């Protein structure tokens, strides 16, 4: 009798869907819920709206999985795929050649100096690589350097 009860409970548990598989995909934007007017209010009272509550059965953007989990990004990914891992690109020391007017008399007006380009994190997805917005060193002319902001980009595999 006891084994039959255990077998029955295991069958029911295996056949029932899990709560994570039931329902609709949560939105990525704030959602408002329209509530009907309370009972006993005069006719013609408009319905009220309120923000949805997170971590309840209402759709809310905070109920989505963390971006690094396997089930994140299955829908509404923007075509980038599911995140696989994060790749850290370390800071790079770059030599730059600058003009030094005090060294011109010695015959060497150009001096080598070093600067560091900050590091960043690349996200590898199932469809490619997602590069964040970052800083880079741009040289429009010899001896002239300026920082330039590189926009975020997606590189397909």
N, C-alpha and C. Protein backbone atom coordinates (compact mmCIF):
# COMPACT_ATOMS: atom_id res chain seq x y z
N UNK A 1 0.83 -1.20 0.00
CA UNK A 1 0.00 0.00 0.00
C UNK A 1 0.87 1.27 0.00
N UNK A 2 1.92 1.22 0.82
CA UNK A 2 2.80 2.38 0.90
C UNK A 2 3.53 2.60 -0.41
N UNK A 3 3.99 1.53 -1.07
CA UNK A 3 4.69 1.67 -2.35
C UNK A 3 3.74 2.14 -3.45
N UNK A 4 2.47 1.75 -3.38
CA UNK A 4 1.50 2.19 -4.36
C UNK A 4 1.24 3.70 -4.21
N UNK A 5 1.20 4.16 -2.96
CA UNK A 5 0.99 5.58 -2.70
C UNK A 5 2.18 6.40 -3.20
N UNK A 6 3.38 5.90 -2.98
CA UNK A 6 4.58 6.58 -3.46
C UNK A 6 4.61 6.61 -4.99
N UNK A 7 4.27 5.47 -5.62
CA UNK A 7 4.26 5.41 -7.08
C UNK A 7 3.22 6.36 -7.66
N UNK A 8 2.06 6.45 -7.03
CA UNK A 8 1.01 7.35 -7.50
C UNK A 8 1.45 8.81 -7.37
N UNK A 9 2.07 9.16 -6.23
CA UNK A 9 2.50 10.54 -6.04
C UNK A 9 3.62 10.92 -7.01
N UNK A 10 4.54 9.97 -7.31
CA UNK A 10 5.59 10.24 -8.29
C UNK A 10 5.02 10.40 -9.69
N UNK A 11 4.02 9.63 -10.03
CA UNK A 11 3.39 9.75 -11.35
C UNK A 11 2.69 11.09 -11.50
N UNK A 12 1.98 11.52 -10.45
CA UNK A 12 1.30 12.82 -10.50
C UNK A 12 2.31 13.95 -10.59
N UNK A 13 3.40 13.85 -9.83
CA UNK A 13 4.42 14.90 -9.84
C UNK A 13 5.13 14.97 -11.19
N UNK A 14 5.37 13.83 -11.83
CA UNK A 14 6.06 13.82 -13.12
C UNK A 14 5.15 14.29 -14.24
N UNK A 15 3.86 14.04 -14.11
CA UNK A 15 2.93 14.42 -15.18
C UNK A 15 2.52 15.89 -15.11
N UNK A 16 2.59 16.48 -13.93
CA UNK A 16 2.16 17.88 -13.77
C UNK A 16 3.26 18.80 -14.30
N UNK A 17 2.90 19.85 -15.04
CA UNK A 17 3.94 20.78 -15.53
C UNK A 17 4.49 21.60 -14.37
N UNK A 18 5.71 22.02 -14.52
CA UNK A 18 6.28 22.88 -13.48
C UNK A 18 5.78 24.30 -13.69
N UNK A 19 5.79 25.09 -12.64
CA UNK A 19 5.26 26.45 -12.73
C UNK A 19 6.12 27.33 -13.62
N UNK A 20 7.38 26.98 -13.80
CA UNK A 20 8.23 27.79 -14.67
C UNK A 20 7.85 27.66 -16.14
N UNK A 21 7.16 26.57 -16.48
CA UNK A 21 6.78 26.34 -17.87
C UNK A 21 5.39 26.86 -18.19
N UNK A 22 4.65 27.30 -17.21
CA UNK A 22 3.28 27.74 -17.41
C UNK A 22 3.26 29.26 -17.49
N UNK A 23 2.43 29.82 -18.34
CA UNK A 23 2.26 31.26 -18.39
C UNK A 23 2.89 31.87 -19.63
N UNK A 24 2.97 33.18 -19.61
CA UNK A 24 3.50 33.92 -20.74
C UNK A 24 4.88 34.47 -20.38
N UNK A 25 5.63 34.88 -21.40
CA UNK A 25 6.95 35.45 -21.18
C UNK A 25 6.79 36.82 -20.55
N UNK A 26 7.61 37.11 -19.55
CA UNK A 26 7.52 38.39 -18.88
C UNK A 26 8.07 39.50 -19.78
N UNK A 27 7.49 40.67 -19.71
CA UNK A 27 7.94 41.77 -20.57
C UNK A 27 9.26 42.37 -20.06
N UNK A 28 9.92 43.13 -20.90
CA UNK A 28 11.14 43.83 -20.52
C UNK A 28 10.90 45.30 -20.24
N UNK A 29 9.65 45.70 -20.19
CA UNK A 29 9.29 47.09 -19.91
C UNK A 29 8.31 47.10 -18.74
N UNK A 30 8.20 48.21 -18.03
CA UNK A 30 7.22 48.26 -16.93
C UNK A 30 5.80 48.04 -17.45
N UNK A 31 5.00 47.35 -16.64
CA UNK A 31 3.64 47.00 -17.02
C UNK A 31 2.68 47.63 -16.01
N UNK A 32 1.56 48.14 -16.50
CA UNK A 32 0.52 48.64 -15.61
C UNK A 32 -0.65 47.66 -15.63
N UNK A 33 -1.26 47.51 -14.49
CA UNK A 33 -2.40 46.62 -14.33
C UNK A 33 -3.64 47.48 -14.15
N UNK A 34 -4.68 47.18 -14.91
CA UNK A 34 -5.94 47.91 -14.80
C UNK A 34 -6.83 47.18 -13.82
N UNK A 35 -7.20 47.86 -12.76
CA UNK A 35 -8.06 47.27 -11.73
C UNK A 35 -9.46 47.84 -11.87
N UNK A 36 -10.48 46.99 -11.77
CA UNK A 36 -11.85 47.51 -11.86
C UNK A 36 -12.16 48.37 -10.63
N UNK A 37 -13.16 49.24 -10.74
CA UNK A 37 -13.51 50.06 -9.58
C UNK A 37 -14.00 49.18 -8.43
N UNK A 38 -13.80 49.61 -7.20
CA UNK A 38 -14.21 48.79 -6.07
C UNK A 38 -15.73 48.60 -6.03
N UNK A 39 -16.14 47.51 -5.39
CA UNK A 39 -17.57 47.22 -5.29
C UNK A 39 -18.26 48.33 -4.49
N UNK A 40 -19.44 48.71 -4.91
CA UNK A 40 -20.20 49.74 -4.21
C UNK A 40 -19.89 51.15 -4.68
N UNK A 41 -18.99 51.30 -5.66
CA UNK A 41 -18.71 52.64 -6.16
C UNK A 41 -19.83 53.06 -7.12
N UNK A 42 -20.06 54.36 -7.27
CA UNK A 42 -21.15 54.81 -8.13
C UNK A 42 -20.92 54.41 -9.59
N UNK A 43 -21.99 54.25 -10.34
CA UNK A 43 -21.83 53.88 -11.74
C UNK A 43 -21.05 54.97 -12.50
N UNK A 44 -20.26 54.54 -13.47
CA UNK A 44 -19.47 55.45 -14.26
C UNK A 44 -18.09 55.72 -13.67
N UNK A 45 -17.76 55.08 -12.54
CA UNK A 45 -16.44 55.26 -11.95
C UNK A 45 -15.41 54.58 -12.85
N UNK A 46 -14.38 55.30 -13.29
CA UNK A 46 -13.40 54.68 -14.20
C UNK A 46 -12.51 53.67 -13.46
N UNK A 47 -11.98 52.76 -14.23
CA UNK A 47 -11.04 51.78 -13.68
C UNK A 47 -9.73 52.49 -13.34
N UNK A 48 -9.03 51.98 -12.36
CA UNK A 48 -7.75 52.58 -11.96
C UNK A 48 -6.61 51.72 -12.48
N UNK A 49 -5.47 52.35 -12.71
CA UNK A 49 -4.28 51.61 -13.15
C UNK A 49 -3.20 51.75 -12.08
N UNK A 50 -2.41 50.72 -11.96
CA UNK A 50 -1.31 50.71 -11.01
C UNK A 50 -0.18 49.90 -11.61
N UNK A 51 1.05 50.13 -11.15
CA UNK A 51 2.15 49.29 -11.65
C UNK A 51 2.01 47.86 -11.15
N UNK A 52 2.47 46.93 -11.95
CA UNK A 52 2.40 45.53 -11.54
C UNK A 52 3.39 45.27 -10.41
N UNK A 53 3.05 44.29 -9.58
CA UNK A 53 3.89 43.95 -8.43
C UNK A 53 4.90 42.89 -8.85
N UNK A 54 6.18 43.08 -8.52
CA UNK A 54 7.17 42.06 -8.88
C UNK A 54 7.06 40.83 -7.99
N UNK A 55 7.52 39.71 -8.51
CA UNK A 55 7.60 38.44 -7.80
C UNK A 55 6.23 37.92 -7.36
N UNK A 56 5.21 38.22 -8.16
CA UNK A 56 3.87 37.65 -7.97
C UNK A 56 3.47 37.01 -9.29
N UNK A 57 2.20 36.63 -9.42
CA UNK A 57 1.77 36.03 -10.67
C UNK A 57 1.47 37.06 -11.75
N UNK A 58 1.65 38.36 -11.45
CA UNK A 58 1.44 39.40 -12.45
C UNK A 58 2.67 39.52 -13.33
N UNK A 59 2.51 39.86 -14.61
CA UNK A 59 3.68 40.05 -15.47
C UNK A 59 4.49 41.26 -15.01
N UNK A 60 5.78 41.08 -14.85
CA UNK A 60 6.66 42.15 -14.39
C UNK A 60 8.04 41.91 -14.94
N UNK A 61 8.77 43.00 -15.25
CA UNK A 61 10.10 42.87 -15.84
C UNK A 61 11.11 42.30 -14.85
N UNK A 62 10.85 42.38 -13.55
CA UNK A 62 11.79 41.84 -12.57
C UNK A 62 11.66 40.32 -12.42
N UNK A 63 10.62 39.73 -13.00
CA UNK A 63 10.44 38.28 -12.91
C UNK A 63 11.25 37.52 -13.95
N UNK A 64 11.97 38.22 -14.81
CA UNK A 64 12.77 37.56 -15.83
C UNK A 64 14.02 36.94 -15.21
N UNK A 65 14.56 35.88 -15.82
CA UNK A 65 15.78 35.27 -15.28
C UNK A 65 16.99 36.17 -15.47
N UNK A 66 18.03 35.89 -14.70
CA UNK A 66 19.28 36.64 -14.82
C UNK A 66 19.85 36.43 -16.22
N UNK A 67 20.47 37.45 -16.85
CA UNK A 67 20.95 37.30 -18.23
C UNK A 67 21.97 36.20 -18.45
N UNK A 68 22.67 35.75 -17.42
CA UNK A 68 23.68 34.71 -17.61
C UNK A 68 23.12 33.29 -17.43
N UNK A 69 21.84 33.16 -17.08
CA UNK A 69 21.24 31.83 -16.95
C UNK A 69 20.92 31.27 -18.33
N UNK A 70 20.81 29.96 -18.41
CA UNK A 70 20.61 29.30 -19.70
C UNK A 70 19.28 29.65 -20.34
N UNK A 71 18.24 29.85 -19.53
CA UNK A 71 16.92 30.13 -20.11
C UNK A 71 16.69 31.60 -20.37
N UNK A 72 17.68 32.45 -20.13
CA UNK A 72 17.54 33.89 -20.39
C UNK A 72 17.76 34.15 -21.87
N UNK A 73 17.02 35.06 -22.40
CA UNK A 73 17.22 35.46 -23.78
C UNK A 73 16.62 34.54 -24.81
N UNK A 74 15.76 33.60 -24.39
CA UNK A 74 15.14 32.72 -25.36
C UNK A 74 14.19 33.50 -26.25
N UNK A 75 13.48 34.44 -25.68
CA UNK A 75 12.63 35.30 -26.48
C UNK A 75 13.00 36.75 -26.21
N UNK A 76 12.69 37.63 -27.14
CA UNK A 76 12.98 39.05 -27.04
C UNK A 76 14.46 39.32 -26.81
N UNK A 77 15.33 38.62 -27.51
CA UNK A 77 16.77 38.81 -27.34
C UNK A 77 17.31 39.87 -28.27
N UNK A 78 16.53 40.34 -29.19
CA UNK A 78 17.04 41.31 -30.14
C UNK A 78 17.88 40.67 -31.22
N UNK A 79 17.82 39.34 -31.35
CA UNK A 79 18.55 38.65 -32.39
C UNK A 79 20.00 38.37 -32.05
N UNK A 80 20.38 38.49 -30.77
CA UNK A 80 21.77 38.28 -30.39
C UNK A 80 22.02 36.87 -29.87
N UNK A 81 20.99 36.13 -29.51
CA UNK A 81 21.16 34.78 -29.00
C UNK A 81 21.22 34.74 -27.49
N UNK A 82 21.47 33.53 -26.98
CA UNK A 82 21.51 33.29 -25.54
C UNK A 82 22.94 33.51 -25.03
N UNK A 83 23.14 34.26 -23.95
CA UNK A 83 24.50 34.45 -23.43
C UNK A 83 25.14 33.13 -23.00
N UNK A 84 26.40 32.94 -23.38
CA UNK A 84 27.14 31.73 -23.01
C UNK A 84 28.16 32.04 -21.93
N UNK A 85 28.99 33.04 -22.16
CA UNK A 85 30.02 33.40 -21.19
C UNK A 85 30.43 34.85 -21.39
N UNK A 86 31.21 35.34 -20.43
CA UNK A 86 31.73 36.70 -20.49
C UNK A 86 33.24 36.60 -20.63
N UNK A 87 33.79 37.35 -21.57
CA UNK A 87 35.23 37.34 -21.83
C UNK A 87 35.78 38.70 -21.42
N UNK A 88 36.72 38.71 -20.49
CA UNK A 88 37.32 39.95 -20.03
C UNK A 88 38.51 40.28 -20.91
N UNK A 89 38.48 41.45 -21.53
CA UNK A 89 39.60 41.95 -22.32
C UNK A 89 40.36 42.91 -21.40
N UNK A 90 41.59 42.56 -20.99
CA UNK A 90 42.30 43.41 -20.02
C UNK A 90 42.74 44.74 -20.62
N UNK A 91 43.09 45.65 -19.74
CA UNK A 91 43.59 46.95 -20.19
C UNK A 91 44.89 46.75 -20.96
N UNK A 92 45.11 47.60 -21.97
CA UNK A 92 46.29 47.47 -22.83
C UNK A 92 47.16 48.73 -22.73
N UNK A 93 48.45 48.51 -22.56
CA UNK A 93 49.40 49.61 -22.57
C UNK A 93 49.80 49.88 -24.02
N UNK A 94 49.64 51.12 -24.47
CA UNK A 94 49.86 51.48 -25.86
C UNK A 94 50.95 52.54 -25.94
N UNK A 95 51.98 52.34 -26.80
CA UNK A 95 52.97 53.40 -26.99
C UNK A 95 52.44 54.46 -27.94
N UNK A 96 52.64 55.72 -27.59
CA UNK A 96 52.24 56.82 -28.47
C UNK A 96 53.45 57.71 -28.69
N UNK A 97 53.56 58.25 -29.89
CA UNK A 97 54.67 59.12 -30.25
C UNK A 97 54.15 60.56 -30.26
N UNK A 98 54.75 61.41 -29.40
CA UNK A 98 54.31 62.79 -29.28
C UNK A 98 55.47 63.74 -29.59
N UNK A 99 55.12 64.93 -30.00
CA UNK A 99 56.12 65.96 -30.33
C UNK A 99 56.56 66.66 -29.05
N UNK A 100 57.86 66.79 -28.88
CA UNK A 100 58.43 67.47 -27.71
C UNK A 100 59.31 68.60 -28.22
N UNK A 101 58.86 69.83 -28.08
CA UNK A 101 59.59 70.97 -28.64
C UNK A 101 60.93 71.21 -27.96
N UNK A 102 61.06 70.75 -26.72
CA UNK A 102 62.33 70.93 -26.01
C UNK A 102 63.40 69.96 -26.52
N UNK A 103 62.99 68.84 -27.10
CA UNK A 103 63.93 67.86 -27.63
C UNK A 103 64.28 68.14 -29.09
N UNK A 104 63.63 69.14 -29.69
CA UNK A 104 63.88 69.46 -31.10
C UNK A 104 65.32 69.93 -31.32
N UNK A 105 65.85 70.66 -30.37
CA UNK A 105 67.22 71.15 -30.49
C UNK A 105 68.23 70.00 -30.46
N UNK A 106 67.87 68.92 -29.80
CA UNK A 106 68.76 67.75 -29.72
C UNK A 106 68.64 66.88 -30.96
N UNK A 107 67.72 67.18 -31.84
CA UNK A 107 67.57 66.42 -33.07
C UNK A 107 66.53 65.31 -32.98
N UNK A 108 65.92 65.13 -31.83
CA UNK A 108 64.88 64.11 -31.66
C UNK A 108 63.60 64.77 -31.17
N UNK A 109 62.79 65.36 -32.07
CA UNK A 109 61.59 66.05 -31.61
C UNK A 109 60.44 65.11 -31.20
N UNK A 110 60.54 63.84 -31.58
CA UNK A 110 59.46 62.90 -31.28
C UNK A 110 59.88 62.01 -30.11
N UNK A 111 59.01 61.92 -29.11
CA UNK A 111 59.27 61.13 -27.91
C UNK A 111 58.18 60.07 -27.77
N UNK A 112 58.56 58.88 -27.32
CA UNK A 112 57.59 57.81 -27.08
C UNK A 112 57.11 57.88 -25.64
N UNK A 113 55.79 57.92 -25.47
CA UNK A 113 55.17 57.86 -24.15
C UNK A 113 54.20 56.69 -24.16
N UNK A 114 53.74 56.29 -22.98
CA UNK A 114 52.84 55.15 -22.88
C UNK A 114 51.56 55.57 -22.16
N UNK A 115 50.47 55.05 -22.65
CA UNK A 115 49.17 55.27 -22.02
C UNK A 115 48.44 53.94 -21.95
N UNK A 116 47.41 53.89 -21.15
CA UNK A 116 46.68 52.64 -20.96
C UNK A 116 45.24 52.79 -21.44
N UNK A 117 44.83 51.90 -22.34
CA UNK A 117 43.45 51.85 -22.82
C UNK A 117 42.68 50.96 -21.86
N UNK A 118 41.54 51.41 -21.30
CA UNK A 118 40.81 50.61 -20.32
C UNK A 118 40.30 49.29 -20.89
N UNK A 119 40.18 48.30 -20.02
CA UNK A 119 39.65 47.01 -20.41
C UNK A 119 38.13 47.02 -20.48
N UNK A 120 37.55 45.94 -21.00
CA UNK A 120 36.10 45.82 -21.13
C UNK A 120 35.73 44.35 -21.14
N UNK A 121 34.43 44.07 -21.12
CA UNK A 121 33.92 42.70 -21.07
C UNK A 121 33.10 42.43 -22.33
N UNK A 122 33.44 41.36 -23.05
CA UNK A 122 32.70 40.94 -24.24
C UNK A 122 31.79 39.77 -23.83
N UNK A 123 30.53 39.81 -24.25
CA UNK A 123 29.59 38.73 -23.94
C UNK A 123 29.50 37.83 -25.17
N UNK A 124 29.85 36.56 -25.00
CA UNK A 124 29.70 35.59 -26.09
C UNK A 124 28.30 35.00 -26.00
N UNK A 125 27.58 35.03 -27.12
CA UNK A 125 26.25 34.45 -27.18
C UNK A 125 26.26 33.28 -28.17
N UNK A 126 25.13 32.62 -28.30
CA UNK A 126 25.04 31.49 -29.22
C UNK A 126 25.17 31.93 -30.67
N UNK A 127 24.92 33.19 -30.96
CA UNK A 127 24.97 33.68 -32.34
C UNK A 127 26.16 34.57 -32.64
N UNK A 128 26.92 35.00 -31.63
CA UNK A 128 28.06 35.88 -31.89
C UNK A 128 28.61 36.49 -30.63
N UNK A 129 29.23 37.66 -30.80
CA UNK A 129 29.88 38.36 -29.70
C UNK A 129 29.29 39.76 -29.58
N UNK A 130 28.99 40.16 -28.34
CA UNK A 130 28.39 41.46 -28.07
C UNK A 130 29.44 42.32 -27.38
N UNK A 131 29.93 43.36 -28.10
CA UNK A 131 30.94 44.26 -27.57
C UNK A 131 30.26 45.47 -26.94
N UNK A 132 30.67 45.86 -25.72
CA UNK A 132 30.02 47.01 -25.07
C UNK A 132 30.57 48.33 -25.58
N UNK A 133 29.92 49.40 -25.19
CA UNK A 133 30.45 50.73 -25.48
C UNK A 133 31.72 50.91 -24.67
N UNK A 134 32.78 51.41 -25.30
CA UNK A 134 34.08 51.47 -24.62
C UNK A 134 34.89 52.64 -25.17
N UNK A 135 36.05 52.90 -24.53
CA UNK A 135 36.94 53.97 -24.94
C UNK A 135 38.10 53.40 -25.75
N UNK A 136 38.52 54.14 -26.77
CA UNK A 136 39.67 53.75 -27.59
C UNK A 136 40.49 55.00 -27.88
N UNK A 137 41.74 54.80 -28.25
CA UNK A 137 42.63 55.89 -28.57
C UNK A 137 42.65 56.09 -30.08
N UNK A 138 42.36 57.30 -30.53
CA UNK A 138 42.27 57.62 -31.95
C UNK A 138 43.37 58.62 -32.30
N UNK A 139 44.06 58.40 -33.44
CA UNK A 139 45.13 59.30 -33.87
C UNK A 139 44.77 59.90 -35.23
N UNK A 140 44.23 61.12 -35.26
CA UNK A 140 43.90 61.75 -36.54
C UNK A 140 45.13 62.21 -37.32
N UNK A 141 46.26 62.44 -36.64
CA UNK A 141 47.50 62.86 -37.31
C UNK A 141 48.68 62.41 -36.46
N UNK A 142 49.86 62.49 -37.02
CA UNK A 142 51.05 62.06 -36.29
C UNK A 142 51.27 62.97 -35.08
N UNK A 143 51.41 62.35 -33.92
CA UNK A 143 51.63 63.11 -32.69
C UNK A 143 50.38 63.66 -32.05
N UNK A 144 49.22 63.42 -32.65
CA UNK A 144 47.95 63.91 -32.09
C UNK A 144 47.10 62.71 -31.74
N UNK A 145 46.70 62.62 -30.48
CA UNK A 145 45.87 61.51 -30.01
C UNK A 145 44.68 62.07 -29.26
N UNK A 146 43.57 61.39 -29.38
CA UNK A 146 42.38 61.78 -28.63
C UNK A 146 41.57 60.54 -28.30
N UNK A 147 40.88 60.62 -27.16
CA UNK A 147 40.03 59.51 -26.75
C UNK A 147 38.74 59.56 -27.56
N UNK A 148 38.32 58.39 -28.00
CA UNK A 148 37.08 58.28 -28.78
C UNK A 148 36.22 57.19 -28.16
N UNK A 149 34.94 57.44 -28.10
CA UNK A 149 34.00 56.44 -27.56
C UNK A 149 33.57 55.53 -28.71
N UNK A 150 33.81 54.24 -28.56
CA UNK A 150 33.42 53.26 -29.57
C UNK A 150 32.03 52.75 -29.21
N UNK A 151 31.05 52.81 -30.12
CA UNK A 151 29.71 52.35 -29.78
C UNK A 151 29.66 50.82 -29.63
N UNK A 152 28.65 50.36 -28.91
CA UNK A 152 28.49 48.93 -28.75
C UNK A 152 28.15 48.30 -30.10
N UNK A 153 28.58 47.04 -30.28
CA UNK A 153 28.38 46.38 -31.57
C UNK A 153 28.21 44.88 -31.35
N UNK A 154 27.58 44.25 -32.32
CA UNK A 154 27.41 42.79 -32.31
C UNK A 154 28.16 42.20 -33.51
N UNK A 155 29.02 41.22 -33.24
CA UNK A 155 29.80 40.56 -34.29
C UNK A 155 29.30 39.13 -34.42
N UNK A 156 28.63 38.77 -35.52
CA UNK A 156 28.14 37.39 -35.68
C UNK A 156 29.29 36.40 -35.78
N UNK A 157 29.03 35.16 -35.38
CA UNK A 157 30.05 34.11 -35.46
C UNK A 157 30.25 33.67 -36.89
